[in-house]
C-alpha atoms as a PDB file:
ATOM      1  CA  MET A   1      89.639 105.398 -16.540  1.00  0.00           C
ATOM      2  CA  ARG A   2      89.102 103.805 -19.916  1.00  0.00           C
ATOM      3  CA  LYS A   3      93.267 104.082 -20.613  1.00  0.00           C
ATOM      4  CA  LEU A   4      93.977 102.813 -17.711  1.00  0.00           C
ATOM      5  CA  LEU A   5      91.912  99.231 -18.016  1.00  0.00           C
ATOM      6  CA  LEU A   6      92.483  98.799 -21.480  1.00  0.00           C
ATOM      7  CA  PHE A   7      96.158  98.884 -20.028  1.00  0.00           C
ATOM      8  CA  THR A   8      95.331  96.624 -17.571  1.00  0.00           C
ATOM      9  CA  ILE A   9      93.371  94.010 -20.089  1.00  0.00           C
ATOM     10  CA  VAL A  10      97.103  94.444 -22.100  1.00  0.00           C
ATOM     11  CA  LEU A  11      99.041  93.489 -19.839  1.00  0.00           C
ATOM     12  CA  VAL A  12      97.203  90.590 -18.112  1.00  0.00           C
ATOM     13  CA  THR A  13      97.506  89.275 -21.343  1.00  0.00           C
ATOM     14  CA  LEU A  14     101.174  89.524 -21.821  1.00  0.00           C
ATOM     15  CA  CYS A  15     101.206  87.911 -18.696  1.00  0.00           C
ATOM     16  CA  PHE A  16      99.131  85.502 -19.386  1.00  0.00           C
ATOM     17  CA  VAL A  17     100.620  84.759 -23.014  1.00  0.00           C
ATOM     18  CA  PRO A  18     103.976  83.412 -22.012  1.00  0.00           C
ATOM     19  CA  ALA A  19     103.163  81.323 -18.976  1.00  0.00           C
ATOM     20  CA  GLN A  20     100.459  79.474 -21.463  1.00  0.00           C
ATOM     21  CA  ALA A  21     103.107  78.554 -24.126  1.00  0.00           C
ATOM     22  CA  THR A  22     105.717  77.501 -20.991  1.00  0.00           C
ATOM     23  CA  ASP A  23     102.952  75.127 -20.386  1.00  0.00           C
ATOM     24  CA  VAL A  24     101.954  73.676 -23.610  1.00  0.00           C
ATOM     25  CA  ASN A  25     105.951  73.308 -23.912  1.00  0.00           C
ATOM     26  CA  SER A  26     106.445  71.759 -20.847  1.00  0.00           C
ATOM     27  CA  VAL A  27     102.892  69.270 -21.897  1.00  0.00           C
ATOM     28  CA  LYS A  28     104.564  68.423 -25.182  1.00  0.00           C
ATOM     29  CA  ALA A  29     107.695  66.717 -23.350  1.00  0.00           C
ATOM     30  CA  LYS A  30     106.302  65.055 -21.050  1.00  0.00           C
ATOM     31  CA  ILE A  31     104.041  63.430 -24.231  1.00  0.00           C
ATOM     32  CA  ALA A  32     107.077  62.931 -26.212  1.00  0.00           C
ATOM     33  CA  LYS A  33     108.999  61.345 -23.070  1.00  0.00           C
ATOM     34  CA  HIS A  34     106.183  58.736 -21.982  1.00  0.00           C
ATOM     35  CA  ALA A  35     105.514  58.176 -25.532  1.00  0.00           C
ATOM     36  CA  ILE A  36     109.424  56.837 -26.259  1.00  0.00           C
ATOM     37  CA  GLU A  37     109.572  55.331 -22.474  1.00  0.00           C
ATOM     38  CA  MET A  38     106.009  53.122 -23.789  1.00  0.00           C
ATOM     39  CA  GLY A  39     107.611  52.681 -27.395  1.00  0.00           C
ATOM     40  CA  VAL A  40     104.640  54.777 -29.454  1.00  0.00           C
ATOM     41  CA  ASP A  41     106.074  57.064 -31.813  1.00  0.00           C
ATOM     42  CA  PRO A  42     106.040  60.515 -30.082  1.00  0.00           C
ATOM     43  CA  ALA A  43     104.827  61.896 -33.418  1.00  0.00           C
ATOM     44  CA  MET A  44     101.164  60.151 -33.109  1.00  0.00           C
ATOM     45  CA  ALA A  45     101.155  60.854 -29.717  1.00  0.00           C
ATOM     46  CA  LEU A  46     101.517  64.882 -29.986  1.00  0.00           C
ATOM     47  CA  SER A  47      99.263  64.720 -32.841  1.00  0.00           C
ATOM     48  CA  ILE A  48      96.387  63.031 -31.082  1.00  0.00           C
ATOM     49  CA  ALA A  49      96.987  65.180 -27.679  1.00  0.00           C
ATOM     50  CA  ARG A  50      96.341  67.997 -30.202  1.00  0.00           C
ATOM     51  CA  THR A  51      93.482  67.224 -31.617  1.00  0.00           C
ATOM     52  CA  GLU A  52      92.274  66.316 -28.274  1.00  0.00           C
ATOM     53  CA  SER A  53      92.645  69.088 -26.361  1.00  0.00           C
ATOM     54  CA  GLY A  54      95.344  71.135 -27.987  1.00  0.00           C
ATOM     55  CA  PHE A  55      97.237  70.196 -25.141  1.00  0.00           C
ATOM     56  CA  ASN A  56      95.138  71.602 -22.778  1.00  0.00           C
ATOM     57  CA  HIS A  57      94.537  69.418 -19.656  1.00  0.00           C
ATOM     58  CA  ASN A  58      91.762  71.452 -18.189  1.00  0.00           C
ATOM     59  CA  ALA A  59      89.630  70.236 -21.355  1.00  0.00           C
ATOM     60  CA  ARG A  60      86.355  68.937 -20.769  1.00  0.00           C
ATOM     61  CA  SER A  61      83.673  67.709 -23.435  1.00  0.00           C
ATOM     62  CA  HIS A  62      80.168  67.241 -23.666  1.00  0.00           C
ATOM     63  CA  HIS A  63      80.574  63.698 -23.282  1.00  0.00           C
ATOM     64  CA  GLY A  64      82.296  63.651 -20.077  1.00  0.00           C
ATOM     65  CA  ALA A  65      86.012  63.029 -21.320  1.00  0.00           C
ATOM     66  CA  VAL A  66      89.182  64.955 -19.437  1.00  0.00           C
ATOM     67  CA  GLY A  67      92.462  66.276 -19.934  1.00  0.00           C
ATOM     68  CA  VAL A  68      95.032  66.270 -22.669  1.00  0.00           C
ATOM     69  CA  PHE A  69      94.134  63.101 -24.082  1.00  0.00           C
ATOM     70  CA  GLN A  70      90.492  63.270 -23.423  1.00  0.00           C
ATOM     71  CA  LEU A  71      90.197  60.472 -21.294  1.00  0.00           C
ATOM     72  CA  MET A  72      86.650  58.817 -20.031  1.00  0.00           C
ATOM     73  CA  PRO A  73      87.028  58.229 -16.443  1.00  0.00           C
ATOM     74  CA  SER A  74      85.787  54.595 -16.796  1.00  0.00           C
ATOM     75  CA  THR A  75      87.873  54.239 -18.771  1.00  0.00           C
ATOM     76  CA  ALA A  76      91.112  55.560 -16.731  1.00  0.00           C
ATOM     77  CA  ARG A  77      89.609  53.866 -13.895  1.00  0.00           C
ATOM     78  CA  ARG A  78      89.749  50.320 -15.587  1.00  0.00           C
ATOM     79  CA  MET A  79      93.475  51.148 -16.594  1.00  0.00           C
ATOM     80  CA  GLY A  80      94.295  52.063 -12.540  1.00  0.00           C
ATOM     81  CA  LEU A  81      94.926  55.683 -13.593  1.00  0.00           C
ATOM     82  CA  ASN A  82      93.957  59.112 -12.255  1.00  0.00           C
ATOM     83  CA  PRO A  83      92.000  61.010 -15.405  1.00  0.00           C
ATOM     84  CA  TYR A  84      92.703  64.107 -13.662  1.00  0.00           C
ATOM     85  CA  SER A  85      96.619  63.766 -13.161  1.00  0.00           C
ATOM     86  CA  LEU A  86      98.343  64.723 -15.748  1.00  0.00           C
ATOM     87  CA  THR A  87     100.888  62.080 -15.895  1.00  0.00           C
ATOM     88  CA  ASP A  88      98.186  59.675 -15.997  1.00  0.00           C
ATOM     89  CA  ASN A  89      96.510  60.877 -18.555  1.00  0.00           C
ATOM     90  CA  ILE A  90      99.453  61.335 -20.692  1.00  0.00           C
ATOM     91  CA  LYS A  91      99.705  57.601 -19.875  1.00  0.00           C
ATOM     92  CA  GLY A  92      96.232  56.927 -20.420  1.00  0.00           C
ATOM     93  CA  GLY A  93      96.188  58.019 -23.309  1.00  0.00           C
ATOM     94  CA  ILE A  94      99.098  56.681 -25.124  1.00  0.00           C
ATOM     95  CA  LYS A  95      98.088  53.317 -23.139  1.00  0.00           C
ATOM     96  CA  TYR A  96      94.839  53.315 -25.033  1.00  0.00           C
ATOM     97  CA  TYR A  97      95.900  53.982 -28.126  1.00  0.00           C
ATOM     98  CA  LYS A  98      98.518  51.174 -28.056  1.00  0.00           C
ATOM     99  CA  ALA A  99      95.493  48.548 -27.288  1.00  0.00           C
ATOM    100  CA  MET A 100      93.416  49.804 -29.997  1.00  0.00           C
ATOM    101  CA  TYR A 101      96.386  49.746 -32.375  1.00  0.00           C
ATOM    102  CA  LYS A 102      97.386  46.238 -31.052  1.00  0.00           C
ATOM    103  CA  MET A 103      93.781  45.339 -31.572  1.00  0.00           C
ATOM    104  CA  PHE A 104      92.920  45.956 -35.070  1.00  0.00           C
ATOM    105  CA  GLY A 105      96.349  46.509 -36.488  1.00  0.00           C
ATOM    106  CA  SER A 106      95.939  49.819 -38.267  1.00  0.00           C
ATOM    107  CA  VAL A 107      96.608  53.456 -37.665  1.00  0.00           C
ATOM    108  CA  GLU A 108      93.347  54.803 -38.887  1.00  0.00           C
ATOM    109  CA  LEU A 109      91.288  51.857 -37.147  1.00  0.00           C
ATOM    110  CA  ALA A 110      93.148  52.910 -34.131  1.00  0.00           C
ATOM    111  CA  LEU A 111      92.343  56.681 -34.371  1.00  0.00           C
ATOM    112  CA  ALA A 112      88.710  55.350 -35.227  1.00  0.00           C
ATOM    113  CA  ALA A 113      88.264  53.171 -32.559  1.00  0.00           C
ATOM    114  CA  TYR A 114      90.166  55.792 -29.891  1.00  0.00           C
ATOM    115  CA  ASN A 115      87.558  58.281 -31.201  1.00  0.00           C
ATOM    116  CA  ALA A 116      84.319  56.193 -31.677  1.00  0.00           C
ATOM    117  CA  GLY A 117      85.025  53.274 -29.416  1.00  0.00           C
ATOM    118  CA  PRO A 118      86.088  49.671 -30.612  1.00  0.00           C
ATOM    119  CA  GLY A 119      82.843  48.309 -30.758  1.00  0.00           C
ATOM    120  CA  ASN A 120      81.838  50.931 -33.608  1.00  0.00           C
ATOM    121  CA  VAL A 121      84.834  49.853 -35.379  1.00  0.00           C
ATOM    122  CA  LYS A 122      83.797  46.259 -35.096  1.00  0.00           C
ATOM    123  CA  ARG A 123      80.544  46.947 -35.907  1.00  0.00           C
ATOM    124  CA  TYR A 124      81.009  48.252 -39.645  1.00  0.00           C
ATOM    125  CA  ASN A 125      83.226  45.394 -40.428  1.00  0.00           C
ATOM    126  CA  ASN A 126      86.524  46.540 -38.943  1.00  0.00           C
ATOM    127  CA  SER A 127      86.386  50.178 -40.881  1.00  0.00           C
ATOM    128  CA  ILE A 128      86.555  53.910 -39.603  1.00  0.00           C
ATOM    129  CA  PRO A 129      82.278  54.383 -38.719  1.00  0.00           C
ATOM    130  CA  PRO A 130      80.476  56.593 -40.992  1.00  0.00           C
ATOM    131  CA  TYR A 131      80.346  59.538 -38.299  1.00  0.00           C
ATOM    132  CA  ALA A 132      81.723  62.969 -39.492  1.00  0.00           C
ATOM    133  CA  GLU A 133      83.048  63.401 -36.095  1.00  0.00           C
ATOM    134  CA  THR A 134      84.872  60.208 -36.119  1.00  0.00           C
ATOM    135  CA  LYS A 135      85.722  61.050 -40.027  1.00  0.00           C
ATOM    136  CA  ARG A 136      87.454  64.270 -38.940  1.00  0.00           C
ATOM    137  CA  PHE A 137      88.937  62.943 -36.129  1.00  0.00           C
ATOM    138  CA  VAL A 138      91.244  60.811 -38.285  1.00  0.00           C
ATOM    139  CA  SER A 139      91.737  62.822 -41.007  1.00  0.00           C
ATOM    140  CA  LYS A 140      92.829  65.724 -38.895  1.00  0.00           C
ATOM    141  CA  ILE A 141      95.245  63.466 -36.733  1.00  0.00           C
ATOM    142  CA  MET A 142      96.748  61.763 -39.636  1.00  0.00           C
ATOM    143  CA  THR A 143      97.656  65.230 -41.550  1.00  0.00           C
ATOM    144  CA  ASP A 144      99.140  66.432 -37.876  1.00  0.00           C
ATOM    145  CA  TYR A 145     101.186  63.315 -37.679  1.00  0.00           C
ATOM    146  CA  LYS A 146     102.401  64.121 -41.210  1.00  0.00           C
ATOM    147  CA  ASN A 147     103.950  67.132 -40.743  1.00  0.00           C
ATOM    148  CA  TYR A 148     105.244  66.247 -37.546  1.00  0.00           C
ATOM    149  CA  LYS A 149     107.267  63.673 -39.164  1.00  0.00           C
ATOM    150  CA  VAL A 150     108.437  66.246 -41.860  1.00  0.00           C
ATOM    151  CA  ASN A 151     108.853  68.908 -38.804  1.00  0.00           C
ATOM    152  CA  PRO A 152     109.642  67.706 -35.820  1.00  0.00           C
ATOM    153  CA  ASP A 153     108.585  69.052 -32.488  1.00  0.00           C
ATOM    154  CA  PRO A 154     111.689  70.763 -30.827  1.00  0.00           C
ATOM    155  CA  ALA A 155     109.251  68.354 -27.910  1.00  0.00           C
ATOM    156  CA  ILE A 156     110.483  64.980 -29.930  1.00  0.00           C
ATOM    157  CA  LYS A 157     114.080  66.011 -30.820  1.00  0.00           C
ATOM    158  CA  ALA A 158     114.658  66.446 -26.964  1.00  0.00           C
ATOM    159  CA  ALA A 159     112.845  63.483 -25.739  1.00  0.00           C
ATOM    160  CA  LYS A 160     114.510  61.711 -28.462  1.00  0.00           C
ATOM    161  CA  ALA A 161     118.464  63.251 -27.554  1.00  0.00           C
ATOM    162  CA  ALA A 162     117.321  62.164 -23.579  1.00  0.00           C
ATOM    163  CA  ALA A 163     116.483  58.621 -24.592  1.00  0.00           C
ATOM    164  CA  ALA A 164     119.686  57.927 -26.344  1.00  0.00           C
ATOM    165  CA  LYS A 165     121.785  59.247 -23.481  1.00  0.00           C
ATOM    166  CA  PRO A 166     123.546  56.757 -21.719  1.00  0.00           C
ATOM    167  CA  ASN A 167     122.705  56.107 -18.004  1.00  0.00           C
ATOM    168  CA  PRO A 168     125.661  57.244 -16.328  1.00  0.00           C
ATOM    169  CA  THR A 169     123.935  55.206 -13.128  1.00  0.00           C
ATOM    170  CA  ALA A 170     123.932  51.911 -14.809  1.00  0.00           C
ATOM    171  CA  SER A 171     127.384  52.345 -16.296  1.00  0.00           C
ATOM    172  CA  THR A 172     129.142  52.957 -12.636  1.00  0.00           C
ATOM    173  CA  ALA A 173     126.688  50.820 -10.628  1.00  0.00           C
ATOM    174  CA  LYS A 174     128.771  48.108  -9.313  1.00  0.00           C
ATOM    175  CA  ALA A 175     127.610  44.879  -8.595  1.00  0.00           C
ATOM    176  CA  PRO A 176     126.699  43.275  -5.231  1.00  0.00           C
ATOM    177  CA  VAL A 177     129.598  41.273  -3.904  1.00  0.00           C
ATOM    178  CA  ALA A 178     128.880  38.280  -2.023  1.00  0.00           C
ATOM    179  CA  LYS A 179     129.735  37.993   1.456  1.00  0.00           C
ATOM    180  CA  PRO A 180     131.226  34.388   2.283  1.00  0.00           C
ATOM    181  CA  ASN A 181     129.849  33.223   5.674  1.00  0.00           C
ATOM    182  CA  ASP A 182     131.623  32.850   8.767  1.00  0.00           C
ATOM    183  CA  ALA A 183     132.546  28.857   8.262  1.00  0.00           C
ATOM    184  CA  ALA A 184     133.659  29.149   5.220  1.00  0.00           C
ATOM    185  CA  THR A 185     136.075  31.873   5.943  1.00  0.00           C
ATOM    186  CA  ALA A 186     136.889  29.920   9.242  1.00  0.00           C
ATOM    187  CA  GLN A 187     137.863  26.924   6.617  1.00  0.00           C
ATOM    188  CA  ALA A 188     139.809  28.803   3.931  1.00  0.00           C
ATOM    189  CA  LYS A 189     141.810  31.525   5.811  1.00  0.00           C
ATOM    190  CA  VAL A 190     144.818  33.276   3.734  1.00  0.00           C
ATOM    191  CA  THR A 191     147.709  34.819   4.888  1.00  0.00           C
ATOM    192  CA  PRO A 192     149.532  36.750   1.915  1.00  0.00           C
ATOM    193  CA  VAL A 193     153.227  36.557   2.281  1.00  0.00           C
ATOM    194  CA  ASN A 194     154.909  39.305  -0.353  1.00  0.00           C
ATOM    195  CA  ASP A 195     152.767  38.038  -3.162  1.00  0.00           C
ATOM    196  CA  ALA A 196     154.492  35.145  -3.083  1.00  0.00           C
ATOM    197  CA  LYS A 197     152.740  31.621  -2.977  1.00  0.00           C
ATOM    198  CA  VAL A 198     154.326  29.920   0.075  1.00  0.00           C
ATOM    199  CA  VAL A 199     153.258  26.760   1.790  1.00  0.00           C
ATOM    200  CA  ALA A 200     154.527  26.289   5.342  1.00  0.00           C
ATOM    201  CA  VAL A 201     154.584  22.962   5.974  1.00  0.00           C
ATOM    202  CA  GLN A 202     155.944  20.870   9.191  1.00  0.00           C
ATOM    203  CA  VAL A 203     156.930  17.465   8.864  1.00  0.00           C
ATOM    204  CA  LYS A 204     156.303  15.308  12.254  1.00  0.00           C
ATOM    205  CA  THR A 205     157.907  12.153  11.621  1.00  0.00           C
ATOM    206  CA  GLN A 206     158.060   9.129  14.267  1.00  0.00           C
ATOM    207  CA  PRO A 207     161.676   7.561  14.421  1.00  0.00           C
ATOM    208  CA  ALA A 208     162.577   4.804  12.322  1.00  0.00           C
ATOM    209  CA  PRO A 209     163.511   1.158  13.287  1.00  0.00           C
ATOM    210  CA  GLU A 210     167.104   0.656  14.081  1.00  0.00           C
ATOM    211  CA  LEU A 211     168.549  -0.785  10.785  1.00  0.00           C
ATOM    212  CA  ILE A 212     170.515  -4.248  11.585  1.00  0.00           C
ATOM    213  CA  HIS A 213     173.919  -4.638  10.428  1.00  0.00           C
ATOM    214  CA  THR A 214     175.285  -7.591   8.108  1.00  0.00           C
ATOM    215  CA  LYS A 215     177.437  -8.844  10.839  1.00  0.00           C
ATOM    216  CA  ASP A 216     174.932  -8.819  13.298  1.00  0.00           C
ATOM    217  CA  ILE A 217     172.713 -10.856  10.619  1.00  0.00           C
ATOM    218  CA  LYS A 218     175.837 -13.260  10.434  1.00  0.00           C
ATOM    219  CA  SER A 219     175.867 -14.193  14.186  1.00  0.00           C
ATOM    220  CA  ALA A 220     171.786 -14.305  14.807  1.00  0.00           C
ATOM    221  CA  PRO A 221     170.844 -17.833  14.505  1.00  0.00           C
ATOM    222  CA  LYS A 222     167.572 -16.486  12.802  1.00  0.00           C
ATOM    223  CA  VAL A 223     166.427 -13.681  11.313  1.00  0.00           C
ATOM    224  CA  GLU A 224     163.020 -12.380  12.310  1.00  0.00           C
ATOM    225  CA  ASN A 225     160.715  -9.838   9.985  1.00  0.00           C
ATOM    226  CA  VAL A 226     161.210  -6.648  11.311  1.00  0.00           C
ATOM    227  CA  ASN A 227     157.642  -5.021  11.770  1.00  0.00           C
ATOM    228  CA  GLU A 228     158.279  -1.068  10.313  1.00  0.00           C
ATOM    229  CA  ALA A 229     155.911   1.010  11.299  1.00  0.00           C
ATOM    230  CA  PRO A 230     154.382   3.174   8.684  1.00  0.00           C
ATOM    231  CA  VAL A 231     156.196   6.550   8.708  1.00  0.00           C
ATOM    232  CA  ASP A 232     152.996   9.128   9.324  1.00  0.00           C
ATOM    233  CA  LEU A 233     152.997  12.653   8.292  1.00  0.00           C
ATOM    234  CA  GLU A 234     151.174  15.245   9.666  1.00  0.00           C
ATOM    235  CA  LEU A 235     150.846  18.277   7.321  1.00  0.00           C
ATOM    236  CA  GLU A 236     149.816  21.878   9.642  1.00  0.00           C
ATOM    237  CA  ALA A 237     149.462  24.554   6.714  1.00  0.00           C
ATOM    238  CA  THR A 238     150.876  27.923   8.851  1.00  0.00           C
ATOM    239  CA  SER A 239     150.268  30.162   6.005  1.00  0.00           C
ATOM    240  CA  LEU A 240     149.090  29.930   2.392  1.00  0.00           C
ATOM    241  CA  ALA A 241     149.446  33.191  -0.326  1.00  0.00           C
ATOM    242  CA  ILE A 242     147.161  33.033  -3.139  1.00  0.00           C
END
């Protein structure tokens, strides 16, 4: 009975470990992908998530923070995100770090604000607050970050390779062609004729006035002016190839 119990424990452990490893790799891949898309170094994003939760989305802190990036639900709601969703939690953590970096212009201060809040960083004259937890937090993440820069995680390599690939949809997409309205089509109707540029024109003329011969002029007592009617040309385009 005892051997059976031990065998069961070992079997469950062996089944659980690969599944957990696969889940961690999936989380890392999502973090690296979203970090690149949001303009944050994926090495930094992975370092924060590793320190905050060990890439465990089920992590909960005694302060009420949840998820991979240990977001406070109130902070996530202000960003319009659901902290209990893995994707939203990742996006929220990266977005919050990015906001802190924009506020303080320093990686260390951004991390300190991420942990202790921006108010405490400002309270201590824009420096890392003298809290042991915050100091450990900043120090550990900076160490992990440097390690990731020297030895990039496979998730970082894969995300960068995917981001560098051209988008086949964008390259093959055709621009929409504007369709002319019916009126414009009726006015400019073209008929191809053997790819030649041909304009067929009908010319209608009115009969010219009768010419007066020289001998008639001599016999005529008086020469009268002849009002010549102008020649009207009526052009009818029957076919036009362009």
